[in-house]
Amino acid sequence: MSFIAVANTIDVSEQDLIRGCLRENRQCQAEVFQRYAGKMLTVCLRYARHRMEAEDLLQDAFIKVFDNINQFQFVGSFEGWIRRIVVNTALKKYHQKSFKDEAIGIDEGYDIILEPSVYADLHEEELLNLIAQLPDGYRVVFNLYAIEGYSHSEISEMLGIEASTSRTQLLKARRILQDQIVKMQKIAV
């Protein structure tokens, strides 16, 4: 029985799929895409303005995954390795745009305190929509810091900005999100 036939009848291990991808086996590539595309689309949606843009990012990222799969060392999480490629693909797209022109000063007197229940009432889709409306630079920094877990010094290296700019853009992103949540709360009341 061939590898392809086996792949169709039993659950193939991740290592076997990676090895199949190394041999450019289309069935294995399709299975890897099937397993990880959903999670990675969610990552792309956080960096993109709309679904079509996110799908383009996803496609570009998976092309890079398959082109560079020989660099995966079977150490650590394969999903984490794919996620890093997806994030880097999104960053390269936005690195081409200049979001450095966004204001980086800190506005004074903007201290809205929200009740914790306001955040709890938000659904994931609503939060993703609010994040998608942020200006490009704010959105990228917010995603890298708050969701991906990078430090400001790592973000500054990735984006070619000062760490203080990263902190300021994160602060402004949070303020914009708070403002949007307050507006949503007022509409709901």
C-alpha atoms as a PDB file:
ATOM      1  CA  MET A   1       0.000   0.000   0.000  1.00  0.00           C
ATOM      2  CA  SER A   2       1.414   3.416  -0.909  1.00  0.00           C
ATOM      3  CA  PHE A   3       1.925   6.271   1.555  1.00  0.00           C
ATOM      4  CA  ILE A   4      -0.926   8.216  -0.059  1.00  0.00           C
ATOM      5  CA  ALA A   5      -3.315   5.312   0.390  1.00  0.00           C
ATOM      6  CA  VAL A   6      -2.268   4.963   4.027  1.00  0.00           C
ATOM      7  CA  ALA A   7      -2.760   8.711   4.560  1.00  0.00           C
ATOM      8  CA  ASN A   8      -6.331   8.368   3.340  1.00  0.00           C
ATOM      9  CA  THR A   9      -7.201   5.482   5.658  1.00  0.00           C
ATOM     10  CA  ILE A  10      -5.505   6.319   8.992  1.00  0.00           C
ATOM     11  CA  ASP A  11      -4.524   9.378  10.956  1.00  0.00           C
ATOM     12  CA  VAL A  12      -0.987  10.169   9.873  1.00  0.00           C
ATOM     13  CA  SER A  13       1.387  11.517  12.505  1.00  0.00           C
ATOM     14  CA  GLU A  14       2.619  15.077  12.251  1.00  0.00           C
ATOM     15  CA  GLN A  15       6.190  13.861  11.705  1.00  0.00           C
ATOM     16  CA  ASP A  16       5.104  11.624   8.825  1.00  0.00           C
ATOM     17  CA  LEU A  17       3.233  14.535   7.257  1.00  0.00           C
ATOM     18  CA  ILE A  18       6.283  16.777   7.556  1.00  0.00           C
ATOM     19  CA  ARG A  19       8.460  14.100   5.977  1.00  0.00           C
ATOM     20  CA  GLY A  20       5.906  13.764   3.175  1.00  0.00           C
ATOM     21  CA  CYS A  21       5.990  17.520   2.656  1.00  0.00           C
ATOM     22  CA  LEU A  22       9.791  17.346   2.480  1.00  0.00           C
ATOM     23  CA  ARG A  23       9.288  14.949  -0.461  1.00  0.00           C
ATOM     24  CA  GLU A  24       6.786  17.471  -1.916  1.00  0.00           C
ATOM     25  CA  ASN A  25       3.931  14.991  -1.556  1.00  0.00           C
ATOM     26  CA  ARG A  26       0.798  17.016  -2.440  1.00  0.00           C
ATOM     27  CA  GLN A  27      -1.452  14.815  -0.289  1.00  0.00           C
ATOM     28  CA  CYS A  28       0.683  15.538   2.782  1.00  0.00           C
ATOM     29  CA  GLN A  29       0.777  19.247   1.970  1.00  0.00           C
ATOM     30  CA  ALA A  30      -3.005  19.268   1.672  1.00  0.00           C
ATOM     31  CA  GLU A  31      -3.313  17.522   5.034  1.00  0.00           C
ATOM     32  CA  VAL A  32      -0.953  19.984   6.741  1.00  0.00           C
ATOM     33  CA  PHE A  33      -2.959  22.852   5.272  1.00  0.00           C
ATOM     34  CA  GLN A  34      -6.208  21.222   6.393  1.00  0.00           C
ATOM     35  CA  ARG A  35      -4.932  20.756   9.953  1.00  0.00           C
ATOM     36  CA  TYR A  36      -3.546  24.246  10.507  1.00  0.00           C
ATOM     37  CA  ALA A  37      -5.289  26.647   8.109  1.00  0.00           C
ATOM     38  CA  GLY A  38      -8.199  27.394  10.438  1.00  0.00           C
ATOM     39  CA  LYS A  39      -6.020  28.457  13.358  1.00  0.00           C
ATOM     40  CA  MET A  40      -3.655  30.374  11.118  1.00  0.00           C
ATOM     41  CA  LEU A  41      -6.534  32.180   9.383  1.00  0.00           C
ATOM     42  CA  THR A  42      -7.510  33.489  12.805  1.00  0.00           C
ATOM     43  CA  VAL A  43      -3.978  34.877  13.188  1.00  0.00           C
ATOM     44  CA  CYS A  44      -4.182  36.445   9.706  1.00  0.00           C
ATOM     45  CA  LEU A  45      -7.549  38.019  10.496  1.00  0.00           C
ATOM     46  CA  ARG A  46      -5.945  39.905  13.384  1.00  0.00           C
ATOM     47  CA  TYR A  47      -3.430  41.536  11.049  1.00  0.00           C
ATOM     48  CA  ALA A  48      -5.653  42.059   8.011  1.00  0.00           C
ATOM     49  CA  ARG A  49      -8.364  44.632   7.388  1.00  0.00           C
ATOM     50  CA  HIS A  50     -10.809  42.110   5.923  1.00  0.00           C
ATOM     51  CA  ARG A  51     -11.232  38.406   5.229  1.00  0.00           C
ATOM     52  CA  MET A  52      -9.968  38.474   1.626  1.00  0.00           C
ATOM     53  CA  GLU A  53      -6.748  40.121   2.734  1.00  0.00           C
ATOM     54  CA  ALA A  54      -6.417  37.541   5.528  1.00  0.00           C
ATOM     55  CA  GLU A  55      -6.919  34.703   3.057  1.00  0.00           C
ATOM     56  CA  ASP A  56      -4.203  36.168   0.817  1.00  0.00           C
ATOM     57  CA  LEU A  57      -1.866  36.355   3.810  1.00  0.00           C
ATOM     58  CA  LEU A  58      -2.695  32.755   4.685  1.00  0.00           C
ATOM     59  CA  GLN A  59      -1.959  31.562   1.162  1.00  0.00           C
ATOM     60  CA  ASP A  60       1.355  33.461   1.060  1.00  0.00           C
ATOM     61  CA  ALA A  61       2.318  32.072   4.461  1.00  0.00           C
ATOM     62  CA  PHE A  62       1.609  28.457   3.506  1.00  0.00           C
ATOM     63  CA  ILE A  63       3.628  28.847   0.323  1.00  0.00           C
ATOM     64  CA  LYS A  64       6.502  29.925   2.575  1.00  0.00           C
ATOM     65  CA  VAL A  65       5.828  27.006   4.926  1.00  0.00           C
ATOM     66  CA  PHE A  66       6.145  24.490   2.111  1.00  0.00           C
ATOM     67  CA  ASP A  67       9.085  26.284   0.489  1.00  0.00           C
ATOM     68  CA  ASN A  68      10.983  26.325   3.791  1.00  0.00           C
ATOM     69  CA  ILE A  69       9.797  23.137   5.469  1.00  0.00           C
ATOM     70  CA  ASN A  70      13.316  21.735   5.179  1.00  0.00           C
ATOM     71  CA  GLN A  71      14.300  24.310   7.835  1.00  0.00           C
ATOM     72  CA  PHE A  72      11.996  22.769  10.444  1.00  0.00           C
ATOM     73  CA  GLN A  73      14.276  20.816  12.777  1.00  0.00           C
ATOM     74  CA  PHE A  74      11.611  18.607  14.461  1.00  0.00           C
ATOM     75  CA  VAL A  75      12.347  20.525  17.673  1.00  0.00           C
ATOM     76  CA  GLY A  76       9.515  22.411  19.314  1.00  0.00           C
ATOM     77  CA  SER A  77       6.009  22.806  18.053  1.00  0.00           C
ATOM     78  CA  PHE A  78       5.355  22.518  14.325  1.00  0.00           C
ATOM     79  CA  GLU A  79       2.237  24.632  14.805  1.00  0.00           C
ATOM     80  CA  GLY A  80       4.355  27.285  16.539  1.00  0.00           C
ATOM     81  CA  TRP A  81       6.823  27.218  13.639  1.00  0.00           C
ATOM     82  CA  ILE A  82       3.962  27.726  11.176  1.00  0.00           C
ATOM     83  CA  ARG A  83       2.502  30.535  13.343  1.00  0.00           C
ATOM     84  CA  ARG A  84       5.837  32.375  13.296  1.00  0.00           C
ATOM     85  CA  ILE A  85       5.883  32.208   9.483  1.00  0.00           C
ATOM     86  CA  VAL A  86       2.295  33.497   9.363  1.00  0.00           C
ATOM     87  CA  VAL A  87       3.097  36.415  11.690  1.00  0.00           C
ATOM     88  CA  ASN A  88       6.288  37.245   9.781  1.00  0.00           C
ATOM     89  CA  THR A  89       4.380  37.151   6.488  1.00  0.00           C
ATOM     90  CA  ALA A  90       1.822  39.599   7.897  1.00  0.00           C
ATOM     91  CA  LEU A  91       4.594  41.834   9.224  1.00  0.00           C
ATOM     92  CA  LYS A  92       6.367  41.930   5.878  1.00  0.00           C
ATOM     93  CA  LYS A  93       3.144  43.071   4.237  1.00  0.00           C
ATOM     94  CA  TYR A  94       2.710  45.891   6.729  1.00  0.00           C
ATOM     95  CA  HIS A  95       6.399  46.696   6.817  1.00  0.00           C
ATOM     96  CA  GLN A  96       6.019  47.754   3.192  1.00  0.00           C
ATOM     97  CA  LYS A  97       3.446  50.315   4.316  1.00  0.00           C
ATOM     98  CA  SER A  98       4.596  53.225   6.370  1.00  0.00           C
ATOM     99  CA  PHE A  99       2.629  53.295   9.570  1.00  0.00           C
ATOM    100  CA  LYS A 100       5.426  55.219  11.238  1.00  0.00           C
ATOM    101  CA  ASP A 101       3.629  58.410  10.160  1.00  0.00           C
ATOM    102  CA  GLU A 102       0.924  57.785  12.743  1.00  0.00           C
ATOM    103  CA  ALA A 103       1.013  60.165  15.675  1.00  0.00           C
ATOM    104  CA  ILE A 104       3.161  58.824  18.468  1.00  0.00           C
ATOM    105  CA  GLY A 105       2.505  61.403  21.164  1.00  0.00           C
ATOM    106  CA  ILE A 106       0.553  60.544  24.261  1.00  0.00           C
ATOM    107  CA  ASP A 107      -2.756  62.310  24.712  1.00  0.00           C
ATOM    108  CA  GLU A 108      -3.283  63.732  28.163  1.00  0.00           C
ATOM    109  CA  GLY A 109      -6.422  63.361  30.207  1.00  0.00           C
ATOM    110  CA  TYR A 110      -7.719  60.133  28.687  1.00  0.00           C
ATOM    111  CA  ASP A 111      -8.471  57.989  31.706  1.00  0.00           C
ATOM    112  CA  ILE A 112     -11.655  56.076  31.045  1.00  0.00           C
ATOM    113  CA  ILE A 113     -12.143  53.284  33.549  1.00  0.00           C
ATOM    114  CA  LEU A 114     -14.358  50.478  32.377  1.00  0.00           C
ATOM    115  CA  GLU A 115     -16.132  47.974  34.537  1.00  0.00           C
ATOM    116  CA  PRO A 116     -14.672  44.450  34.110  1.00  0.00           C
ATOM    117  CA  SER A 117     -18.119  43.203  33.050  1.00  0.00           C
ATOM    118  CA  VAL A 118     -17.873  45.351  29.905  1.00  0.00           C
ATOM    119  CA  TYR A 119     -14.924  43.291  28.691  1.00  0.00           C
ATOM    120  CA  ALA A 120     -16.578  40.020  29.690  1.00  0.00           C
ATOM    121  CA  ASP A 121     -19.607  40.814  27.551  1.00  0.00           C
ATOM    122  CA  LEU A 122     -17.494  41.130  24.383  1.00  0.00           C
ATOM    123  CA  HIS A 123     -17.525  38.214  22.002  1.00  0.00           C
ATOM    124  CA  GLU A 124     -14.348  37.155  20.222  1.00  0.00           C
ATOM    125  CA  GLU A 125     -15.695  38.246  16.839  1.00  0.00           C
ATOM    126  CA  GLU A 126     -16.598  41.694  18.191  1.00  0.00           C
ATOM    127  CA  LEU A 127     -13.122  42.131  19.635  1.00  0.00           C
ATOM    128  CA  LEU A 128     -11.501  41.008  16.368  1.00  0.00           C
ATOM    129  CA  ASN A 129     -13.631  43.535  14.490  1.00  0.00           C
ATOM    130  CA  LEU A 130     -12.553  46.304  16.868  1.00  0.00           C
ATOM    131  CA  ILE A 131      -8.889  45.323  16.476  1.00  0.00           C
ATOM    132  CA  ALA A 132      -9.280  45.251  12.676  1.00  0.00           C
ATOM    133  CA  GLN A 133     -10.461  48.886  12.756  1.00  0.00           C
ATOM    134  CA  LEU A 134      -7.268  50.103  14.441  1.00  0.00           C
ATOM    135  CA  PRO A 135      -4.781  52.032  12.290  1.00  0.00           C
ATOM    136  CA  ASP A 136      -2.202  49.659  10.785  1.00  0.00           C
ATOM    137  CA  GLY A 137       0.690  50.440  13.129  1.00  0.00           C
ATOM    138  CA  TYR A 138      -1.434  50.292  16.246  1.00  0.00           C
ATOM    139  CA  ARG A 139      -3.043  47.032  15.142  1.00  0.00           C
ATOM    140  CA  VAL A 140       0.276  45.355  14.360  1.00  0.00           C
ATOM    141  CA  VAL A 141       1.868  46.408  17.651  1.00  0.00           C
ATOM    142  CA  PHE A 142      -1.263  45.434  19.608  1.00  0.00           C
ATOM    143  CA  ASN A 143      -1.315  41.972  18.011  1.00  0.00           C
ATOM    144  CA  LEU A 144       2.398  41.382  18.507  1.00  0.00           C
ATOM    145  CA  TYR A 145       2.374  42.498  22.138  1.00  0.00           C
ATOM    146  CA  ALA A 146      -1.035  41.595  23.534  1.00  0.00           C
ATOM    147  CA  ILE A 147      -1.778  38.459  21.550  1.00  0.00           C
ATOM    148  CA  GLU A 148       1.520  37.000  20.292  1.00  0.00           C
ATOM    149  CA  GLY A 149       3.401  37.891  23.482  1.00  0.00           C
ATOM    150  CA  TYR A 150       6.422  39.705  22.039  1.00  0.00           C
ATOM    151  CA  SER A 151       8.238  42.300  24.165  1.00  0.00           C
ATOM    152  CA  HIS A 152       8.556  45.918  23.079  1.00  0.00           C
ATOM    153  CA  SER A 153      12.257  45.420  22.332  1.00  0.00           C
ATOM    154  CA  GLU A 154      11.429  42.433  20.096  1.00  0.00           C
ATOM    155  CA  ILE A 155       8.698  44.431  18.359  1.00  0.00           C
ATOM    156  CA  SER A 156      11.084  47.329  17.811  1.00  0.00           C
ATOM    157  CA  GLU A 157      13.542  44.976  16.095  1.00  0.00           C
ATOM    158  CA  MET A 158      10.831  43.339  13.983  1.00  0.00           C
ATOM    159  CA  LEU A 159       9.316  46.610  12.810  1.00  0.00           C
ATOM    160  CA  GLY A 160      12.370  48.841  12.761  1.00  0.00           C
ATOM    161  CA  ILE A 161      10.901  51.292  15.274  1.00  0.00           C
ATOM    162  CA  GLU A 162      11.977  52.466  18.710  1.00  0.00           C
ATOM    163  CA  ALA A 163      10.774  50.473  21.725  1.00  0.00           C
ATOM    164  CA  SER A 164       9.186  53.689  23.019  1.00  0.00           C
ATOM    165  CA  THR A 165       7.214  53.967  19.768  1.00  0.00           C
ATOM    166  CA  SER A 166       5.992  50.406  20.270  1.00  0.00           C
ATOM    167  CA  ARG A 167       4.862  51.241  23.820  1.00  0.00           C
ATOM    168  CA  THR A 168       3.137  54.418  22.659  1.00  0.00           C
ATOM    169  CA  GLN A 169       1.344  52.685  19.793  1.00  0.00           C
ATOM    170  CA  LEU A 170       0.193  49.948  22.170  1.00  0.00           C
ATOM    171  CA  LEU A 171      -1.103  52.580  24.585  1.00  0.00           C
ATOM    172  CA  LYS A 172      -2.976  54.378  21.810  1.00  0.00           C
ATOM    173  CA  ALA A 173      -4.380  51.099  20.482  1.00  0.00           C
ATOM    174  CA  ARG A 174      -5.700  50.250  23.939  1.00  0.00           C
ATOM    175  CA  ARG A 175      -7.238  53.701  24.281  1.00  0.00           C
ATOM    176  CA  ILE A 176      -8.957  53.443  20.910  1.00  0.00           C
ATOM    177  CA  LEU A 177     -10.267  49.984  21.835  1.00  0.00           C
ATOM    178  CA  GLN A 178     -11.530  51.296  25.184  1.00  0.00           C
ATOM    179  CA  ASP A 179     -13.270  54.161  23.428  1.00  0.00           C
ATOM    180  CA  GLN A 180     -14.930  51.762  20.993  1.00  0.00           C
ATOM    181  CA  ILE A 181     -16.032  49.496  23.844  1.00  0.00           C
ATOM    182  CA  VAL A 182     -17.506  52.481  25.701  1.00  0.00           C
ATOM    183  CA  LYS A 183     -19.424  53.445  22.541  1.00  0.00           C
ATOM    184  CA  MET A 184     -20.688  49.868  22.194  1.00  0.00           C
ATOM    185  CA  GLN A 185     -21.762  49.854  25.825  1.00  0.00           C
ATOM    186  CA  LYS A 186     -23.687  53.131  25.391  1.00  0.00           C
ATOM    187  CA  ILE A 187     -25.467  51.736  22.336  1.00  0.00           C
ATOM    188  CA  ALA A 188     -26.392  48.551  24.216  1.00  0.00           C
ATOM    189  CA  VAL A 189     -27.812  50.466  27.188  1.00  0.00           C
END
